[in-house]
């Protein structure tokens, strides 16, 4: 997988479907805000794409996790178990594409959701 494929498969694609099926945890606003945060994360990784160090990748992970913490707080804690897992997978996959090799939960240190 590459960044373009990953961007097309953001968790928010499924969230929109669930919202359309009357899952009231989602709104256009929290989905759009999450899309912006995830797009920024991918763009930050792409900008640094060549010869990224583990430290640089983890700095991008830290920024996206903290941004998601803020969104979750601002939008009445819409990130629940399933959403947490979907976001985690997306963040890990992007970090892996960027070159990070880790078996650890790289979001845990900053994650509040």
N, C-alpha and C. Protein backbone atom coordinates (compact mmCIF):
# COMPACT_ATOMS: atom_id res chain seq x y z
N UNK A 1 0.84 -1.18 0.00
CA UNK A 1 0.00 0.00 0.00
C UNK A 1 0.89 1.25 0.00
N UNK A 2 0.39 2.32 -0.60
CA UNK A 2 1.11 3.59 -0.57
C UNK A 2 0.21 4.66 0.05
N UNK A 3 0.75 5.87 0.17
CA UNK A 3 -0.01 6.94 0.82
C UNK A 3 -1.32 7.25 0.09
N UNK A 4 -1.30 7.21 -1.24
CA UNK A 4 -2.51 7.54 -2.00
C UNK A 4 -3.62 6.51 -1.73
N UNK A 5 -3.25 5.23 -1.74
CA UNK A 5 -4.23 4.18 -1.44
C UNK A 5 -4.75 4.32 -0.02
N UNK A 6 -3.85 4.60 0.90
CA UNK A 6 -4.23 4.74 2.30
C UNK A 6 -5.18 5.91 2.48
N UNK A 7 -4.91 7.02 1.80
CA UNK A 7 -5.76 8.21 1.91
C UNK A 7 -7.18 7.91 1.45
N UNK A 8 -7.32 7.04 0.45
CA UNK A 8 -8.65 6.67 -0.04
C UNK A 8 -9.38 5.75 0.93
N UNK A 9 -8.65 5.17 1.85
CA UNK A 9 -9.23 4.21 2.80
C UNK A 9 -9.19 4.71 4.24
N UNK A 10 -9.35 6.01 4.40
CA UNK A 10 -9.37 6.57 5.76
C UNK A 10 -10.55 5.99 6.53
N UNK A 11 -10.42 5.89 7.84
CA UNK A 11 -11.54 5.38 8.66
C UNK A 11 -12.82 6.19 8.45
N UNK A 12 -12.67 7.44 8.11
CA UNK A 12 -13.85 8.31 7.95
C UNK A 12 -14.76 7.88 6.81
N UNK A 13 -14.24 7.10 5.86
CA UNK A 13 -15.09 6.59 4.78
C UNK A 13 -16.17 5.68 5.39
N UNK A 14 -15.74 4.78 6.26
CA UNK A 14 -16.69 3.90 6.94
C UNK A 14 -17.56 4.67 7.92
N UNK A 15 -17.00 5.68 8.57
CA UNK A 15 -17.77 6.48 9.52
C UNK A 15 -18.94 7.16 8.82
N UNK A 16 -18.69 7.65 7.61
CA UNK A 16 -19.74 8.33 6.85
C UNK A 16 -20.85 7.32 6.54
N UNK A 17 -20.48 6.11 6.17
CA UNK A 17 -21.49 5.07 5.91
C UNK A 17 -22.29 4.77 7.16
N UNK A 18 -21.61 4.67 8.29
CA UNK A 18 -22.30 4.39 9.55
C UNK A 18 -23.21 5.56 9.94
N UNK A 19 -22.77 6.78 9.67
CA UNK A 19 -23.60 7.95 9.95
C UNK A 19 -24.86 7.89 9.08
N UNK A 20 -24.68 7.54 7.81
CA UNK A 20 -25.82 7.44 6.90
C UNK A 20 -26.79 6.32 7.31
N UNK A 21 -26.29 5.37 8.09
CA UNK A 21 -27.12 4.28 8.60
C UNK A 21 -27.62 4.59 10.01
N UNK A 22 -27.63 5.88 10.34
CA UNK A 22 -28.17 6.39 11.60
C UNK A 22 -27.31 6.15 12.84
N UNK A 23 -26.01 6.02 12.67
CA UNK A 23 -25.11 5.99 13.82
C UNK A 23 -24.93 7.43 14.26
N UNK A 24 -25.56 7.80 15.36
CA UNK A 24 -25.59 9.22 15.75
C UNK A 24 -24.33 9.72 16.45
N UNK A 25 -23.32 8.88 16.54
CA UNK A 25 -22.04 9.32 17.12
C UNK A 25 -21.30 10.25 16.15
N UNK A 26 -21.62 10.13 14.87
CA UNK A 26 -20.92 10.90 13.84
C UNK A 26 -21.75 12.07 13.35
N UNK A 27 -21.03 13.14 12.99
CA UNK A 27 -21.63 14.30 12.34
C UNK A 27 -20.75 14.67 11.15
N UNK A 28 -21.30 15.45 10.25
CA UNK A 28 -20.47 15.95 9.15
C UNK A 28 -19.25 16.69 9.72
N UNK A 29 -19.47 17.44 10.79
CA UNK A 29 -18.40 18.24 11.37
C UNK A 29 -17.27 17.38 11.93
N UNK A 30 -17.61 16.35 12.73
CA UNK A 30 -16.50 15.56 13.31
C UNK A 30 -15.82 14.69 12.25
N UNK A 31 -16.56 14.28 11.24
CA UNK A 31 -15.94 13.52 10.16
C UNK A 31 -15.02 14.42 9.33
N UNK A 32 -15.49 15.61 8.98
CA UNK A 32 -14.65 16.54 8.20
C UNK A 32 -13.41 16.96 8.99
N UNK A 33 -13.58 17.22 10.28
CA UNK A 33 -12.44 17.62 11.11
C UNK A 33 -11.42 16.48 11.19
N UNK A 34 -11.90 15.25 11.32
CA UNK A 34 -10.99 14.10 11.36
C UNK A 34 -10.27 13.93 10.03
N UNK A 35 -11.00 14.11 8.93
CA UNK A 35 -10.36 14.04 7.61
C UNK A 35 -9.21 15.04 7.50
N UNK A 36 -9.43 16.25 7.97
CA UNK A 36 -8.38 17.27 7.91
C UNK A 36 -7.15 16.85 8.70
N UNK A 37 -7.37 16.32 9.89
CA UNK A 37 -6.26 15.89 10.75
C UNK A 37 -5.50 14.74 10.08
N UNK A 38 -6.21 13.77 9.54
CA UNK A 38 -5.55 12.62 8.90
C UNK A 38 -4.83 13.04 7.62
N UNK A 39 -5.42 13.95 6.86
CA UNK A 39 -4.76 14.45 5.64
C UNK A 39 -3.47 15.19 6.00
N UNK A 40 -3.52 15.98 7.05
CA UNK A 40 -2.32 16.70 7.50
C UNK A 40 -1.23 15.71 7.90
N UNK A 41 -1.62 14.66 8.60
CA UNK A 41 -0.67 13.62 9.01
C UNK A 41 0.01 13.00 7.80
N UNK A 42 -0.79 12.60 6.81
CA UNK A 42 -0.22 11.99 5.59
C UNK A 42 0.68 13.00 4.87
N UNK A 43 0.22 14.23 4.75
CA UNK A 43 1.02 15.25 4.06
C UNK A 43 2.34 15.51 4.78
N UNK A 44 2.32 15.52 6.11
CA UNK A 44 3.56 15.71 6.88
C UNK A 44 4.53 14.56 6.62
N UNK A 45 4.01 13.34 6.59
CA UNK A 45 4.88 12.19 6.31
C UNK A 45 5.42 12.25 4.88
N UNK A 46 4.57 12.64 3.93
CA UNK A 46 4.99 12.71 2.53
C UNK A 46 6.06 13.78 2.33
N UNK A 47 5.92 14.90 3.02
CA UNK A 47 6.91 15.97 2.90
C UNK A 47 8.28 15.51 3.36
N UNK A 48 8.29 14.65 4.35
CA UNK A 48 9.54 14.16 4.91
C UNK A 48 9.96 12.82 4.30
N UNK A 49 9.20 12.38 3.29
CA UNK A 49 9.23 10.99 2.82
C UNK A 49 10.63 10.40 2.63
N UNK A 50 11.53 11.12 2.07
CA UNK A 50 12.84 10.53 1.80
C UNK A 50 13.71 10.53 3.04
N UNK A 51 14.18 9.36 3.39
CA UNK A 51 15.12 9.20 4.49
C UNK A 51 14.59 9.69 5.83
N UNK A 52 13.35 9.35 6.11
CA UNK A 52 12.78 9.71 7.40
C UNK A 52 13.45 8.93 8.52
N UNK A 53 13.71 9.61 9.60
CA UNK A 53 14.23 8.91 10.77
C UNK A 53 13.04 8.45 11.62
N UNK A 54 13.29 7.50 12.47
CA UNK A 54 12.24 7.03 13.38
C UNK A 54 11.72 8.20 14.21
N UNK A 55 12.62 9.06 14.63
CA UNK A 55 12.25 10.23 15.44
C UNK A 55 11.30 11.16 14.69
N UNK A 56 11.57 11.40 13.40
CA UNK A 56 10.71 12.27 12.60
C UNK A 56 9.32 11.66 12.40
N UNK A 57 9.27 10.36 12.16
CA UNK A 57 7.98 9.68 11.99
C UNK A 57 7.19 9.75 13.30
N UNK A 58 7.85 9.48 14.41
CA UNK A 58 7.15 9.51 15.70
C UNK A 58 6.68 10.91 16.05
N UNK A 59 7.38 11.93 15.60
CA UNK A 59 6.93 13.31 15.82
C UNK A 59 5.62 13.55 15.06
N UNK A 60 5.51 13.01 13.84
CA UNK A 60 4.27 13.12 13.06
C UNK A 60 3.14 12.34 13.75
N UNK A 61 3.47 11.17 14.28
CA UNK A 61 2.48 10.37 15.01
C UNK A 61 1.99 11.15 16.23
N UNK A 62 2.92 11.72 16.96
CA UNK A 62 2.57 12.50 18.15
C UNK A 62 1.60 13.63 17.78
N UNK A 63 1.89 14.35 16.71
CA UNK A 63 1.03 15.47 16.30
C UNK A 63 -0.37 15.00 15.94
N UNK A 64 -0.48 13.91 15.19
CA UNK A 64 -1.81 13.44 14.79
C UNK A 64 -2.59 12.93 15.99
N UNK A 65 -1.93 12.26 16.91
CA UNK A 65 -2.62 11.73 18.08
C UNK A 65 -3.12 12.87 18.97
N UNK A 66 -2.29 13.88 19.17
CA UNK A 66 -2.69 15.03 19.99
C UNK A 66 -3.84 15.78 19.32
N UNK A 67 -3.78 15.92 18.00
CA UNK A 67 -4.87 16.58 17.27
C UNK A 67 -6.17 15.78 17.42
N UNK A 68 -6.07 14.46 17.35
CA UNK A 68 -7.26 13.62 17.53
C UNK A 68 -7.79 13.70 18.96
N UNK A 69 -6.89 13.81 19.93
CA UNK A 69 -7.32 14.01 21.32
C UNK A 69 -8.19 15.26 21.41
N UNK A 70 -7.72 16.35 20.78
CA UNK A 70 -8.44 17.61 20.82
C UNK A 70 -9.79 17.50 20.12
N UNK A 71 -9.81 16.84 18.97
CA UNK A 71 -11.08 16.65 18.25
C UNK A 71 -12.07 15.85 19.10
N UNK A 72 -11.59 14.79 19.68
CA UNK A 72 -12.45 13.93 20.49
C UNK A 72 -13.06 14.73 21.64
N UNK A 73 -12.26 15.58 22.23
CA UNK A 73 -12.72 16.44 23.32
C UNK A 73 -13.73 17.47 22.80
N UNK A 74 -13.44 18.09 21.66
CA UNK A 74 -14.30 19.13 21.10
C UNK A 74 -15.63 18.61 20.60
N UNK A 75 -15.67 17.34 20.17
CA UNK A 75 -16.88 16.76 19.58
C UNK A 75 -17.49 15.68 20.46
N UNK A 76 -17.49 15.91 21.75
CA UNK A 76 -18.21 15.05 22.70
C UNK A 76 -17.79 13.58 22.66
N UNK A 77 -16.52 13.33 22.55
CA UNK A 77 -15.95 11.99 22.72
C UNK A 77 -16.58 10.96 21.78
N UNK A 78 -16.45 11.24 20.49
CA UNK A 78 -17.00 10.35 19.47
C UNK A 78 -16.07 9.19 19.11
N UNK A 79 -14.84 9.22 19.60
CA UNK A 79 -13.90 8.12 19.30
C UNK A 79 -14.07 7.07 20.38
N UNK A 80 -14.76 5.99 19.99
CA UNK A 80 -14.99 4.88 20.91
C UNK A 80 -14.11 3.71 20.47
N UNK A 81 -14.38 2.54 20.97
CA UNK A 81 -13.49 1.39 20.74
C UNK A 81 -13.24 1.11 19.26
N UNK A 82 -14.30 1.02 18.47
CA UNK A 82 -14.12 0.68 17.06
C UNK A 82 -13.35 1.79 16.33
N UNK A 83 -13.70 3.03 16.63
CA UNK A 83 -13.03 4.16 15.98
C UNK A 83 -11.56 4.24 16.40
N UNK A 84 -11.31 3.95 17.65
CA UNK A 84 -9.92 3.94 18.14
C UNK A 84 -9.09 2.92 17.37
N UNK A 85 -9.64 1.73 17.19
CA UNK A 85 -8.93 0.69 16.46
C UNK A 85 -8.71 1.09 15.00
N UNK A 86 -9.72 1.69 14.38
CA UNK A 86 -9.60 2.11 12.99
C UNK A 86 -8.56 3.21 12.83
N UNK A 87 -8.58 4.17 13.73
CA UNK A 87 -7.59 5.25 13.68
C UNK A 87 -6.19 4.71 13.93
N UNK A 88 -6.06 3.83 14.91
CA UNK A 88 -4.77 3.23 15.23
C UNK A 88 -4.20 2.52 14.00
N UNK A 89 -5.03 1.70 13.33
CA UNK A 89 -4.57 0.98 12.14
C UNK A 89 -4.11 1.95 11.06
N UNK A 90 -4.85 3.02 10.86
CA UNK A 90 -4.50 4.01 9.85
C UNK A 90 -3.16 4.68 10.18
N UNK A 91 -3.00 5.08 11.43
CA UNK A 91 -1.77 5.75 11.87
C UNK A 91 -0.57 4.83 11.74
N UNK A 92 -0.73 3.59 12.15
CA UNK A 92 0.35 2.59 12.08
C UNK A 92 0.72 2.32 10.62
N UNK A 93 -0.29 2.15 9.77
CA UNK A 93 -0.04 1.85 8.36
C UNK A 93 0.73 2.99 7.70
N UNK A 94 0.33 4.23 7.97
CA UNK A 94 1.02 5.38 7.39
C UNK A 94 2.46 5.46 7.89
N UNK A 95 2.66 5.21 9.17
CA UNK A 95 4.02 5.23 9.72
C UNK A 95 4.87 4.13 9.09
N UNK A 96 4.25 2.99 8.84
CA UNK A 96 4.95 1.88 8.20
C UNK A 96 5.34 2.24 6.76
N UNK A 97 4.43 2.84 6.02
CA UNK A 97 4.72 3.28 4.66
C UNK A 97 5.89 4.27 4.67
N UNK A 98 5.93 5.10 5.70
CA UNK A 98 7.00 6.09 5.82
C UNK A 98 8.33 5.46 6.23
N UNK A 99 8.28 4.20 6.68
CA UNK A 99 9.52 3.50 6.98
C UNK A 99 9.71 3.07 8.42
N UNK A 100 8.73 3.32 9.27
CA UNK A 100 8.85 2.92 10.67
C UNK A 100 8.60 1.43 10.82
N UNK A 101 9.49 0.78 11.52
CA UNK A 101 9.31 -0.64 11.83
C UNK A 101 9.17 -0.76 13.34
N UNK A 102 7.95 -1.07 13.78
CA UNK A 102 7.71 -1.18 15.21
C UNK A 102 6.57 -2.13 15.48
N UNK A 103 6.70 -2.91 16.52
CA UNK A 103 5.63 -3.79 16.96
C UNK A 103 4.87 -3.16 18.12
N UNK A 104 5.36 -2.04 18.61
CA UNK A 104 4.76 -1.38 19.77
C UNK A 104 3.58 -0.52 19.35
N UNK A 105 2.75 -0.16 20.33
CA UNK A 105 1.67 0.79 20.11
C UNK A 105 2.31 2.18 20.14
N UNK A 106 2.56 2.73 18.97
CA UNK A 106 3.27 4.00 18.88
C UNK A 106 2.38 5.19 19.20
N UNK A 107 1.09 4.95 19.45
CA UNK A 107 0.18 6.06 19.78
C UNK A 107 -0.05 6.16 21.29
N UNK A 108 0.25 5.12 22.01
CA UNK A 108 -0.14 5.01 23.41
C UNK A 108 0.36 6.15 24.29
N UNK A 109 1.58 6.58 24.05
CA UNK A 109 2.19 7.61 24.89
C UNK A 109 1.37 8.91 24.94
N UNK A 110 0.71 9.25 23.83
CA UNK A 110 -0.01 10.52 23.75
C UNK A 110 -1.52 10.36 23.67
N UNK A 111 -2.00 9.16 23.42
CA UNK A 111 -3.42 8.93 23.12
C UNK A 111 -4.29 9.03 24.37
N UNK A 112 -5.37 9.79 24.25
CA UNK A 112 -6.36 9.89 25.31
C UNK A 112 -7.70 9.27 24.90
N UNK A 113 -7.78 8.77 23.68
CA UNK A 113 -9.04 8.19 23.19
C UNK A 113 -8.96 6.68 23.18
